[in-house]
Amino acid sequence: QVQLVESGGGLVQAGGSLRLSCRASKRTSSRFAMGWFRQAPGKEREFVAAIGWSDGSPYYADSVKGRFTISRDSAKNTVYLQMNTLKPEDTAVYYCAAGDPLYSGRYVYTRKGTYDYWGQGTQVTVSS
């Protein structure tokens, strides 16, 4: 079992920045991947960004590309989501996710079903 602990959410004005962190209690294999999803009220949970642990390749949703950056600290088993130029439509609960997919690549990492472990969620609110 992997526990995920998120931090860093909050309230920010449009155009501002926040950094989310997610620490995993352990990495279960060399195929370990971590990602961020978000869910706004009344909407489905959607993919935001992901990173493969072995090669560090990042993947982003089109809606955040160029504004958000995902990175990892292997020594700390921690993934970060730097969010810049935030918009009101970025307001949501952000969830950290982790898993051991058999395959890699964008199609795999963007799917909710790829991830076995989920954090409790952290609220991000962007005011206009």
Foldseek 3Di string as FASTA:
>chain_A
DKAKDKDWADEEAAQAKIKMKIFIPDADDQQKKKAKWWDDPPDDIFGAKIAGPNPGDIDGDPVQPPFWDWGDDVVRNMIMIIGGRDDQVVWTWMKMFMARDPDDDDVLGGDPVRTDDIYPTDTHGYHD
